[in-house]
N, C-alpha and C. Protein backbone atom coordinates (compact mmCIF):
# COMPACT_ATOMS: atom_id res chain seq x y z
N MET A 1 0.65 -1.13 -0.03
CA MET A 1 -0.13 0.08 -0.02
C MET A 1 0.88 1.20 0.15
N SER A 2 0.64 2.25 -0.98
CA SER A 2 1.31 3.34 -0.93
C SER A 2 1.23 4.32 0.36
N GLN A 3 2.19 5.44 0.56
CA GLN A 3 2.04 6.09 1.73
C GLN A 3 0.59 7.10 1.71
N THR A 4 0.31 7.23 0.45
CA THR A 4 -0.82 8.22 0.41
C THR A 4 -2.06 7.29 0.85
N GLU A 5 -2.01 6.14 0.41
CA GLU A 5 -3.38 5.18 0.67
C GLU A 5 -3.29 4.87 2.25
N GLU A 6 -2.07 4.76 2.64
CA GLU A 6 -1.97 4.53 4.31
C GLU A 6 -2.38 5.75 5.13
N ASN A 7 -2.27 7.13 4.52
CA ASN A 7 -2.71 8.30 5.16
C ASN A 7 -4.01 8.27 5.05
N LYS A 8 -4.85 7.98 3.72
CA LYS A 8 -6.18 7.83 3.69
C LYS A 8 -6.97 6.97 4.78
N GLU A 9 -6.26 5.86 5.12
CA GLU A 9 -6.82 4.87 5.73
C GLU A 9 -6.66 5.66 7.31
N LEU A 10 -5.56 6.26 7.54
CA LEU A 10 -5.38 6.76 8.92
C LEU A 10 -6.57 7.79 9.26
N ALA A 11 -6.84 8.71 8.09
CA ALA A 11 -7.81 9.65 8.09
C ALA A 11 -9.15 9.19 8.31
N LYS A 12 -9.42 8.03 7.73
CA LYS A 12 -10.84 7.26 7.76
C LYS A 12 -10.78 6.96 9.29
N ARG A 13 -9.71 6.46 9.81
CA ARG A 13 -9.58 5.89 11.27
C ARG A 13 -10.02 6.96 12.28
N TRP A 14 -9.43 8.04 11.86
CA TRP A 14 -9.32 9.30 13.22
C TRP A 14 -10.93 9.68 12.90
N LEU A 15 -11.75 9.82 12.07
CA LEU A 15 -12.99 9.95 11.70
C LEU A 15 -13.91 8.88 12.66
N ASP A 16 -13.77 7.76 12.47
CA ASP A 16 -14.42 6.42 13.30
C ASP A 16 -14.09 6.89 14.70
N LEU A 17 -12.55 7.07 15.12
CA LEU A 17 -12.44 7.30 16.67
C LEU A 17 -13.16 8.50 17.10
N ILE A 18 -13.44 9.63 16.33
CA ILE A 18 -14.12 10.75 16.68
C ILE A 18 -15.55 10.15 17.17
N SER A 19 -16.29 9.35 16.25
CA SER A 19 -17.64 8.95 16.40
C SER A 19 -17.62 7.97 17.49
N GLU A 20 -16.55 7.27 17.88
CA GLU A 20 -16.63 6.33 19.13
C GLU A 20 -16.14 7.17 20.31
N GLY A 21 -15.60 8.36 20.28
CA GLY A 21 -15.19 9.05 21.31
C GLY A 21 -13.99 8.48 22.02
N ASN A 22 -13.21 7.75 21.07
CA ASN A 22 -11.90 7.30 21.71
C ASN A 22 -10.71 8.36 21.66
N VAL A 23 -10.68 8.97 22.57
CA VAL A 23 -10.05 10.40 22.79
C VAL A 23 -8.52 9.76 22.89
N GLU A 24 -8.40 8.77 23.59
CA GLU A 24 -6.86 8.31 23.84
C GLU A 24 -6.14 7.70 22.54
N GLU A 25 -6.84 6.74 22.07
CA GLU A 25 -6.29 6.41 20.64
C GLU A 25 -6.26 7.31 19.38
N ILE A 26 -7.14 8.57 19.50
CA ILE A 26 -6.75 9.87 18.46
C ILE A 26 -5.46 10.28 19.36
N CYS A 27 -5.40 10.26 20.39
CA CYS A 27 -4.16 11.13 20.78
C CYS A 27 -2.77 10.27 20.76
N GLU A 28 -2.85 8.81 20.44
CA GLU A 28 -1.81 8.31 20.18
C GLU A 28 -1.40 8.27 18.54
N LEU A 29 -2.35 8.74 17.84
CA LEU A 29 -1.97 9.07 16.42
C LEU A 29 -1.78 10.65 16.29
N THR A 30 -1.40 11.37 16.96
CA THR A 30 -1.22 12.79 17.17
C THR A 30 0.06 13.35 17.64
N ALA A 31 0.73 13.99 16.54
CA ALA A 31 2.21 14.58 16.88
C ALA A 31 2.04 15.49 18.15
N GLN A 32 3.05 15.60 18.97
CA GLN A 32 3.17 16.44 19.92
C GLN A 32 3.09 18.00 19.63
N THR A 33 3.52 18.26 18.32
CA THR A 33 3.47 19.64 17.87
C THR A 33 2.03 20.02 17.11
N TRP A 34 0.92 18.96 16.90
CA TRP A 34 -0.41 19.04 16.32
C TRP A 34 -1.06 20.14 16.46
N ILE A 35 -1.50 21.06 15.75
CA ILE A 35 -2.48 21.86 15.98
C ILE A 35 -3.59 22.05 14.91
N MET A 36 -4.74 22.60 15.21
CA MET A 36 -5.95 22.49 14.53
C MET A 36 -6.36 23.94 14.12
N HIS A 37 -6.25 24.31 12.92
CA HIS A 37 -6.90 25.62 12.40
C HIS A 37 -8.23 25.49 12.25
N GLY A 38 -9.05 26.54 12.81
CA GLY A 38 -10.64 26.47 12.75
C GLY A 38 -11.05 25.57 13.85
N GLY A 39 -10.51 25.10 14.63
CA GLY A 39 -11.19 24.48 15.82
C GLY A 39 -11.42 25.75 17.11
N LYS A 40 -11.48 25.01 18.31
CA LYS A 40 -11.64 25.86 19.58
C LYS A 40 -10.39 26.72 19.68
N PRO A 41 -10.82 28.06 19.97
CA PRO A 41 -9.81 28.90 20.06
C PRO A 41 -8.84 28.77 21.27
N GLY A 42 -7.55 28.86 21.11
CA GLY A 42 -6.68 28.77 22.53
C GLY A 42 -6.47 27.13 22.57
N MET A 43 -6.50 26.27 21.61
CA MET A 43 -6.52 24.99 22.19
C MET A 43 -4.77 24.84 22.25
N SER A 44 -4.58 23.95 23.18
CA SER A 44 -3.00 23.39 23.24
C SER A 44 -2.71 22.74 22.02
N PRO A 45 -1.32 22.58 21.87
CA PRO A 45 -0.95 21.65 20.65
C PRO A 45 -0.84 20.08 21.12
N GLY A 46 -0.75 19.42 20.22
CA GLY A 46 -0.56 17.84 20.36
C GLY A 46 -1.79 17.36 21.12
N PRO A 47 -1.46 16.09 21.87
CA PRO A 47 -2.61 15.37 22.50
C PRO A 47 -3.47 16.23 23.50
N ASP A 48 -2.74 17.26 24.12
CA ASP A 48 -3.46 17.90 25.20
C ASP A 48 -4.49 18.58 24.48
N GLY A 49 -4.37 19.03 23.42
CA GLY A 49 -5.31 19.84 22.41
C GLY A 49 -6.50 18.86 22.17
N ILE A 50 -6.15 17.63 21.96
CA ILE A 50 -7.24 16.76 21.43
C ILE A 50 -8.17 16.75 22.58
N ARG A 51 -7.50 16.54 24.02
CA ARG A 51 -8.31 16.15 25.16
C ARG A 51 -8.98 17.66 25.56
N GLU A 52 -8.63 18.66 25.36
CA GLU A 52 -9.02 19.62 25.69
C GLU A 52 -10.68 19.79 24.55
N LEU A 53 -10.07 19.68 23.41
CA LEU A 53 -11.57 19.65 22.50
C LEU A 53 -12.52 18.76 22.73
N PHE A 54 -12.15 17.56 23.29
CA PHE A 54 -13.24 16.71 23.62
C PHE A 54 -13.77 17.10 24.76
N ALA A 55 -13.03 17.59 25.76
CA ALA A 55 -13.53 18.07 26.86
C ALA A 55 -14.62 19.06 26.98
N SER A 56 -14.50 20.02 25.94
CA SER A 56 -15.37 21.25 25.59
C SER A 56 -16.54 20.50 25.13
N PHE A 57 -16.78 19.56 24.55
CA PHE A 57 -18.04 19.23 24.12
C PHE A 57 -19.19 18.86 25.26
N GLY A 58 -18.74 18.50 26.36
CA GLY A 58 -19.74 17.93 27.38
C GLY A 58 -19.88 16.53 26.81
N GLU A 59 -21.08 16.13 27.53
CA GLU A 59 -21.59 14.92 27.01
C GLU A 59 -22.14 15.09 25.41
N ILE A 60 -21.80 14.14 24.57
CA ILE A 60 -22.27 14.38 23.20
C ILE A 60 -22.39 12.77 22.61
N LYS A 61 -23.24 12.77 21.95
CA LYS A 61 -23.51 11.44 21.18
C LYS A 61 -23.18 12.05 19.61
N GLN A 62 -22.57 11.11 18.86
CA GLN A 62 -22.23 11.68 17.52
C GLN A 62 -21.74 10.60 16.71
N THR A 63 -22.08 11.08 15.33
CA THR A 63 -21.59 10.26 14.10
C THR A 63 -21.20 10.77 12.95
N TRP A 64 -20.03 10.47 12.57
CA TRP A 64 -19.34 11.10 11.39
C TRP A 64 -19.54 9.93 10.23
N ALA A 65 -20.17 10.64 9.02
CA ALA A 65 -20.30 9.81 7.70
C ALA A 65 -19.36 10.22 6.68
N LEU A 66 -18.48 9.47 6.35
CA LEU A 66 -17.47 9.97 5.14
C LEU A 66 -18.44 10.25 3.97
N GLU A 67 -18.16 11.49 3.22
CA GLU A 67 -18.86 11.67 2.09
C GLU A 67 -17.69 11.54 1.18
N ASP A 68 -16.53 12.08 1.15
CA ASP A 68 -15.59 12.22 0.23
C ASP A 68 -14.25 12.29 0.63
N ILE A 69 -13.07 11.35 0.09
CA ILE A 69 -11.96 11.53 0.76
C ILE A 69 -10.72 11.54 -0.42
N ILE A 70 -9.90 12.49 -0.59
CA ILE A 70 -9.09 12.91 -1.53
C ILE A 70 -7.76 12.99 -0.92
N ALA A 71 -6.84 12.34 -1.39
CA ALA A 71 -5.27 12.43 -0.64
C ALA A 71 -4.41 12.77 -1.94
N GLU A 72 -3.33 13.33 -1.46
CA GLU A 72 -1.97 13.55 -2.29
C GLU A 72 -1.04 13.84 -1.19
N GLY A 73 0.07 12.97 -1.56
CA GLY A 73 1.37 12.98 -0.71
C GLY A 73 0.71 12.84 0.60
N ASN A 74 1.32 13.66 1.48
CA ASN A 74 1.17 13.88 2.99
C ASN A 74 -0.46 14.51 3.45
N LYS A 75 -0.95 15.12 2.53
CA LYS A 75 -2.22 15.72 2.88
C LYS A 75 -3.46 14.90 2.50
N VAL A 76 -4.58 14.71 3.23
CA VAL A 76 -5.46 14.23 2.99
C VAL A 76 -6.93 14.98 3.29
N VAL A 77 -7.75 15.32 2.57
CA VAL A 77 -9.09 15.87 2.54
C VAL A 77 -10.29 15.04 2.66
N ILE A 78 -11.14 15.35 3.74
CA ILE A 78 -12.27 14.79 4.10
C ILE A 78 -13.28 15.57 4.18
N ARG A 79 -14.43 15.27 3.34
CA ARG A 79 -15.62 15.91 3.38
C ARG A 79 -16.64 15.01 3.81
N ALA A 80 -17.19 15.28 5.26
CA ALA A 80 -17.99 14.54 6.05
C ALA A 80 -19.46 15.12 6.66
N THR A 81 -20.27 14.48 7.11
CA THR A 81 -21.43 14.96 7.66
C THR A 81 -21.36 14.45 9.15
N ASN A 82 -22.30 15.27 9.74
CA ASN A 82 -22.04 14.66 11.62
C ASN A 82 -23.62 14.94 12.04
N SER A 83 -23.94 14.15 12.57
CA SER A 83 -25.02 13.99 13.31
C SER A 83 -24.87 13.87 14.79
N CYS A 84 -25.34 14.87 15.69
CA CYS A 84 -24.68 14.92 17.00
C CYS A 84 -25.78 15.23 17.99
N GLN A 85 -25.68 14.88 19.25
CA GLN A 85 -26.57 15.56 20.26
C GLN A 85 -25.75 15.89 21.31
N GLN A 86 -25.75 16.99 21.79
CA GLN A 86 -24.81 17.44 23.14
C GLN A 86 -25.43 18.36 23.78
N GLU A 87 -24.80 18.76 25.05
CA GLU A 87 -25.56 19.55 26.07
C GLU A 87 -25.74 20.74 25.54
N SER A 88 -24.53 21.43 24.93
CA SER A 88 -24.75 22.95 24.23
C SER A 88 -23.81 22.97 23.14
N PHE A 89 -23.65 23.89 22.34
CA PHE A 89 -23.04 24.17 21.27
C PHE A 89 -22.76 26.00 21.25
N PHE A 90 -21.47 26.38 21.47
CA PHE A 90 -21.29 27.77 21.67
C PHE A 90 -22.15 28.11 22.88
N GLY A 91 -22.17 27.63 23.72
CA GLY A 91 -23.16 27.89 24.90
C GLY A 91 -24.59 28.27 24.65
N ILE A 92 -25.27 27.68 23.41
CA ILE A 92 -26.59 27.56 23.34
C ILE A 92 -27.05 26.06 23.72
N PRO A 93 -28.04 25.91 24.67
CA PRO A 93 -28.50 24.56 24.93
C PRO A 93 -28.98 23.94 24.08
N SER A 94 -28.70 22.56 23.66
CA SER A 94 -29.19 21.66 22.64
C SER A 94 -31.03 21.55 23.05
N ARG A 95 -31.44 21.40 24.36
CA ARG A 95 -32.68 20.81 24.63
C ARG A 95 -33.09 19.67 23.98
N GLY A 96 -31.95 18.63 23.85
CA GLY A 96 -32.18 17.42 23.26
C GLY A 96 -32.42 17.34 22.01
N ARG A 97 -32.23 18.63 21.27
CA ARG A 97 -32.25 18.59 19.53
C ARG A 97 -30.91 17.98 19.13
N TRP A 98 -31.06 17.25 18.08
CA TRP A 98 -29.98 16.77 17.19
C TRP A 98 -29.45 17.91 16.09
N GLN A 99 -28.32 17.87 15.83
CA GLN A 99 -27.73 18.78 15.08
C GLN A 99 -27.27 17.83 13.80
N HIS A 100 -27.00 18.47 12.60
CA HIS A 100 -26.74 17.69 11.25
C HIS A 100 -26.24 18.91 10.60
N PHE A 101 -24.79 18.57 10.42
CA PHE A 101 -24.11 19.59 9.68
C PHE A 101 -22.76 18.79 8.76
N SER A 102 -22.17 19.53 7.79
CA SER A 102 -21.47 19.03 7.30
C SER A 102 -19.90 19.76 7.50
N ALA A 103 -18.89 19.14 7.17
CA ALA A 103 -17.65 19.68 7.50
C ALA A 103 -16.49 19.19 6.32
N THR A 104 -15.26 19.94 6.45
CA THR A 104 -14.26 19.58 5.78
C THR A 104 -12.84 19.51 6.35
N PHE A 105 -12.13 18.76 6.31
CA PHE A 105 -10.88 18.48 7.22
C PHE A 105 -9.91 18.19 6.08
N ILE A 106 -8.81 18.94 6.38
CA ILE A 106 -7.50 18.92 5.57
C ILE A 106 -6.34 18.36 6.78
N HIS A 107 -5.97 17.18 6.53
CA HIS A 107 -5.07 16.55 7.46
C HIS A 107 -3.44 16.61 6.89
N HIS A 108 -2.76 17.00 7.59
CA HIS A 108 -1.18 16.84 7.15
C HIS A 108 -0.97 15.53 7.91
N ILE A 109 -0.44 14.61 7.41
CA ILE A 109 0.19 13.35 8.12
C ILE A 109 1.49 13.07 7.69
N GLU A 110 2.27 12.68 8.83
CA GLU A 110 3.71 12.28 8.44
C GLU A 110 3.96 11.06 9.28
N ASN A 111 4.52 10.17 8.86
CA ASN A 111 5.12 8.95 9.57
C ASN A 111 4.04 8.27 10.78
N GLY A 112 2.57 8.48 9.90
CA GLY A 112 1.60 7.91 10.64
C GLY A 112 1.17 8.91 11.96
N LYS A 113 1.65 10.04 11.94
CA LYS A 113 1.13 10.87 12.95
C LYS A 113 0.68 12.10 12.15
N PHE A 114 -0.69 12.56 12.72
CA PHE A 114 -1.22 13.79 12.46
C PHE A 114 -0.54 14.97 12.89
N MET A 115 -0.04 15.58 12.04
CA MET A 115 0.90 16.92 12.15
C MET A 115 -0.05 18.26 12.41
N GLU A 116 -1.20 18.32 11.36
CA GLU A 116 -1.91 19.46 11.30
C GLU A 116 -3.24 19.19 10.90
N THR A 117 -4.19 19.90 11.42
CA THR A 117 -5.66 19.98 10.61
C THR A 117 -6.11 21.16 10.56
N TRP A 118 -6.75 21.37 9.32
CA TRP A 118 -7.61 22.42 8.84
C TRP A 118 -9.10 22.21 8.99
N ARG A 119 -9.85 22.82 9.86
CA ARG A 119 -11.42 22.51 9.89
C ARG A 119 -12.39 23.57 9.43
N ASN A 120 -13.28 23.18 8.65
CA ASN A 120 -14.00 24.11 8.03
C ASN A 120 -15.53 23.37 8.17
N ALA A 121 -16.52 24.10 9.34
CA ALA A 121 -17.64 23.12 9.45
C ALA A 121 -18.95 24.50 9.58
N ASP A 122 -20.02 24.05 9.31
CA ASP A 122 -21.04 24.66 9.27
C ASP A 122 -21.37 24.96 10.71
N ASP A 123 -20.68 25.57 11.32
CA ASP A 123 -21.17 26.13 12.54
C ASP A 123 -22.46 26.95 12.78
N LEU A 124 -22.29 27.85 12.14
CA LEU A 124 -23.55 28.67 11.81
C LEU A 124 -24.92 27.78 11.88
N GLY A 125 -25.04 26.88 10.95
CA GLY A 125 -26.06 26.08 10.61
C GLY A 125 -26.57 25.36 11.97
N ARG A 126 -25.35 25.04 12.65
CA ARG A 126 -25.43 24.15 14.04
C ARG A 126 -26.56 25.10 14.92
N VAL A 127 -25.93 26.31 15.28
CA VAL A 127 -26.63 27.30 16.19
C VAL A 127 -27.56 27.54 15.76
N LEU A 128 -28.12 27.82 14.49
CA LEU A 128 -29.56 28.02 14.03
C LEU A 128 -30.36 26.77 14.37
N GLN A 129 -29.84 25.68 13.90
CA GLN A 129 -30.74 24.19 14.46
C GLN A 129 -31.09 24.32 16.08
N LEU A 130 -30.07 24.79 16.87
CA LEU A 130 -30.57 25.12 18.30
C LEU A 130 -31.57 26.17 18.72
N GLY A 131 -31.86 27.00 17.53
CA GLY A 131 -32.76 27.91 17.94
C GLY A 131 -32.21 29.28 18.10
N ALA A 132 -30.82 29.32 17.90
CA ALA A 132 -30.39 30.89 17.85
C ALA A 132 -30.82 31.61 17.05
N LYS A 133 -31.18 32.92 17.16
CA LYS A 133 -31.81 33.80 16.25
C LYS A 133 -30.72 34.87 15.74
N LEU A 134 -30.55 35.33 14.41
CA LEU A 134 -29.94 36.33 14.12
C LEU A 134 -30.75 37.66 14.24
N GLU A 135 -30.19 38.62 14.59
CA GLU A 135 -30.96 39.86 14.62
C GLU A 135 -29.98 40.88 14.29
N PRO A 136 -30.51 41.81 13.10
CA PRO A 136 -29.46 42.79 12.23
C PRO A 136 -29.05 43.82 13.70
N THR A 137 -28.24 44.62 13.66
CA THR A 137 -28.00 45.64 14.50
C THR A 137 -28.13 47.00 13.75
N GLN A 138 -28.71 47.93 14.37
CA GLN A 138 -29.34 49.12 14.06
C GLN A 138 -28.42 50.39 13.90
């Protein structure tokens, strides 16, 4: 199997581990210097950042479904959809509502470790699903 194909398999595994809530196995795949762009502000690098990210969710039930995966060299792009239920998102209580949204991740993977991740997700759609209202300023 080529390195590019191995990286694609790792990126798929990462998504499965998130669905499972398996934080420590994700940490094992994460470089000490890993950073996430477009994630929770102020996250620490490396496995500590992963733990902080999962701790920020509170109780969560979620499933990620892979829609597309494209890889070249040490970069893997994933487009996926998520269905989740959590206590709150950005401070907006969920009141038991499920959220459904899409996201794109670009992973930089070297030697079997995630070095860097770029995240772009429909967070606005999520807060609107929870009942947030947008009001124009005057």
